[in-house]
Amino acid sequence: MQAQAFTRSEIEDFLYHEAALLDDWQLLEWLALYTADARYEVPATDLPKDASPENNLFFIADDAFRLSERVKRLMKKTAFSEYPRSKTRHLVSNVRILDSSGDRCRVSSAFVTYRTKSGVTDTYIGSSEHTIVRSDAGLRIAKKRCTLDLDSLRPQGRVSIIL
């Protein structure tokens, strides 16, 4: 059986769905989009694009277990940084399929994430690279790396939301 080719519109719809789940704070449903061996990374703003979390400081370098723990923590009232939760709006654009082989493709996109909390709106801008796999359950994310196009995290000071 030959693998079904990925289309940009299929990938865009999937990324828009991911963004909507995050904006609606449906974190368990969002987590279900990830594979059992997934990675979620946000490198520090001063690192080169090919930096690895093994020998560089990343804001976030989660494997699947740590990602599930992050979601559990964000959903608790004891998660001070996100209780009450922030209001977010994730915008995704410039979606491109970089390469595709069999049931796996690598996708790049640009993002803007607005976060509003306590009367302050922060803006996170950058680019994402997803590795997406086609499974019996549909499309799933094997890796997501969000590279911020910011000089620093000021005035935000942290990344307490999921980009």
Protein backbone atom coordinates (compact mmCIF):
# COMPACT_ATOMS: atom_id res chain seq x y z
CA MET A 1 0.00 0.00 0.00
CA GLN A 2 1.40 3.38 -1.02
CA ALA A 3 1.41 6.21 1.52
CA GLN A 4 -1.09 8.99 0.92
CA ALA A 5 0.59 12.27 -0.02
CA PHE A 6 0.23 15.21 2.33
CA THR A 7 -1.45 18.35 0.99
CA ARG A 8 -0.85 21.86 2.23
CA SER A 9 -4.56 22.41 2.86
CA GLU A 10 -4.71 19.22 4.96
CA ILE A 11 -1.69 20.38 6.98
CA GLU A 12 -3.08 23.91 7.35
CA ASP A 13 -6.42 22.56 8.63
CA PHE A 14 -4.54 20.38 11.13
CA LEU A 15 -2.41 23.32 12.39
CA TYR A 16 -5.52 25.54 12.65
CA HIS A 17 -7.20 22.79 14.66
CA GLU A 18 -4.19 22.62 16.98
CA ALA A 19 -4.34 26.41 17.47
CA ALA A 20 -8.07 26.34 18.20
CA LEU A 21 -7.62 23.64 20.85
CA LEU A 22 -4.99 25.76 22.58
CA ASP A 23 -7.13 28.92 22.42
CA ASP A 24 -10.12 27.03 23.82
CA TRP A 25 -7.91 25.59 26.60
CA GLN A 26 -8.74 22.05 25.49
CA LEU A 27 -5.32 20.87 26.57
CA LEU A 28 -6.11 17.16 26.89
CA GLU A 29 -7.49 17.12 23.34
CA TRP A 30 -4.41 19.08 22.21
CA LEU A 31 -2.11 16.58 23.93
CA ALA A 32 -3.89 13.75 22.10
CA LEU A 33 -2.56 15.23 18.84
CA TYR A 34 0.95 14.14 19.85
CA THR A 35 2.64 10.78 19.31
CA ALA A 36 3.82 8.65 22.22
CA ASP A 37 7.44 9.64 21.49
CA ALA A 38 6.75 13.32 20.79
CA ARG A 39 9.03 16.29 21.46
CA TYR A 40 8.00 19.91 22.12
CA GLU A 41 10.80 22.49 22.10
CA VAL A 42 11.19 26.23 22.54
CA PRO A 43 14.86 27.22 22.30
CA ALA A 44 16.28 30.31 24.00
CA THR A 45 16.12 33.42 21.80
CA ASP A 46 19.90 33.68 21.32
CA LEU A 47 20.54 30.18 19.92
CA PRO A 48 21.23 29.23 16.30
CA LYS A 49 18.42 27.47 14.45
CA ASP A 50 20.13 24.07 14.59
CA ALA A 51 20.81 24.17 18.34
CA SER A 52 20.11 21.01 20.28
CA PRO A 53 18.53 20.83 23.75
CA GLU A 54 21.15 18.24 24.75
CA ASN A 55 23.86 20.91 25.03
CA ASN A 56 22.01 24.24 25.01
CA LEU A 57 19.61 26.05 27.31
CA PHE A 58 16.03 25.80 26.03
CA PHE A 59 13.00 27.48 27.56
CA ILE A 60 11.14 24.21 26.96
CA ALA A 61 12.54 20.82 25.91
CA ASP A 62 9.77 18.34 26.68
CA ASP A 63 9.51 14.70 25.75
CA ALA A 64 6.03 13.13 25.71
CA PHE A 65 6.03 12.45 29.46
CA ARG A 66 7.10 15.99 30.40
CA LEU A 67 4.59 17.42 27.94
CA SER A 68 1.77 15.46 29.59
CA GLU A 69 2.96 16.67 33.01
CA ARG A 70 3.00 20.27 31.70
CA VAL A 71 -0.63 19.90 30.58
CA LYS A 72 -1.68 18.40 33.93
CA ARG A 73 0.03 21.24 35.81
CA LEU A 74 -1.52 23.96 33.60
CA MET A 75 -4.98 22.58 34.27
CA LYS A 76 -4.63 22.79 38.07
CA LYS A 77 -5.66 25.76 40.17
CA THR A 78 -2.23 25.59 41.81
CA ALA A 79 -0.58 26.60 38.51
CA PHE A 80 -0.18 30.18 39.66
CA SER A 81 1.19 31.48 36.36
CA GLU A 82 -1.93 30.26 34.54
CA TYR A 83 -4.71 30.45 37.12
CA PRO A 84 -6.90 32.04 36.20
CA ARG A 85 -5.78 30.99 32.76
CA SER A 86 -4.59 33.42 30.14
CA LYS A 87 -6.70 34.23 27.13
CA THR A 88 -4.74 33.38 24.00
CA ARG A 89 -5.08 33.69 20.27
CA HIS A 90 -2.76 31.56 18.14
CA LEU A 91 -2.39 32.71 14.54
CA VAL A 92 -0.69 30.41 12.03
CA SER A 93 0.42 31.45 8.55
CA ASN A 94 2.96 30.85 5.77
CA VAL A 95 2.52 27.07 6.02
CA ARG A 96 4.95 25.14 3.84
CA ILE A 97 5.66 21.44 3.49
CA LEU A 98 9.46 21.26 3.59
CA ASP A 99 9.77 17.56 2.84
CA SER A 100 7.64 14.47 2.88
CA SER A 101 8.51 10.80 2.91
CA GLY A 102 6.00 8.02 3.36
CA ASP A 103 3.75 8.75 6.35
CA ARG A 104 5.91 11.60 7.70
CA CYS A 105 6.36 15.21 6.69
CA ARG A 106 8.23 18.24 7.99
CA VAL A 107 6.30 21.50 7.95
CA SER A 108 7.27 25.10 8.64
CA SER A 109 4.95 27.97 9.54
CA ALA A 110 4.99 31.43 11.04
CA PHE A 111 3.08 32.17 14.23
CA VAL A 112 1.87 35.03 16.37
CA THR A 113 0.48 34.14 19.77
CA TYR A 114 -1.26 36.82 21.79
CA ARG A 115 -1.59 36.23 25.52
CA THR A 116 -3.80 38.46 27.67
CA LYS A 117 -3.85 38.24 31.45
CA SER A 118 -4.43 40.75 34.24
CA GLY A 119 -4.92 43.60 31.75
CA VAL A 120 -1.60 42.98 29.96
CA THR A 121 -1.26 41.61 26.44
CA ASP A 122 2.00 39.93 25.45
CA THR A 123 2.91 39.05 21.89
CA TYR A 124 5.04 36.05 20.98
CA ILE A 125 6.17 35.87 17.35
CA GLY A 126 8.25 33.28 15.59
CA SER A 127 8.39 30.26 13.37
CA SER A 128 7.37 26.69 14.04
CA GLU A 129 8.60 23.47 12.59
CA HIS A 130 6.38 20.43 12.97
CA THR A 131 7.11 16.83 12.13
CA ILE A 132 3.71 15.36 11.35
CA VAL A 133 2.95 11.68 10.88
CA ARG A 134 -0.07 10.01 9.38
CA SER A 135 -1.44 7.25 11.61
CA ASP A 136 -4.57 5.13 11.83
CA ALA A 137 -5.90 7.77 14.25
CA GLY A 138 -5.24 10.59 11.76
CA LEU A 139 -2.47 13.18 11.68
CA ARG A 140 -0.27 13.37 14.78
CA ILE A 141 2.62 15.59 15.85
CA ALA A 142 5.91 13.80 16.43
CA LYS A 143 7.83 17.04 17.05
CA LYS A 144 7.05 20.72 17.40
CA ARG A 145 9.75 23.34 17.70
CA CYS A 146 8.78 26.99 18.18
CA THR A 147 11.61 29.43 17.54
CA LEU A 148 10.83 32.86 18.93
CA ASP A 149 11.76 35.91 16.84
CA LEU A 150 12.28 38.07 19.91
CA ASP A 151 15.46 39.65 21.26
CA SER A 152 14.44 38.48 24.72
CA LEU A 153 11.35 37.49 26.66
CA ARG A 154 10.92 40.97 28.10
CA PRO A 155 8.42 42.27 28.95
CA GLN A 156 6.81 38.81 29.14
CA GLY A 157 9.67 37.30 31.13
CA ARG A 158 8.52 33.69 30.66
CA VAL A 159 6.68 31.24 28.46
CA SER A 160 3.94 29.91 30.74
CA ILE A 161 1.53 29.16 27.88
CA ILE A 162 1.86 26.64 25.08
CA LEU A 163 2.91 28.36 21.87
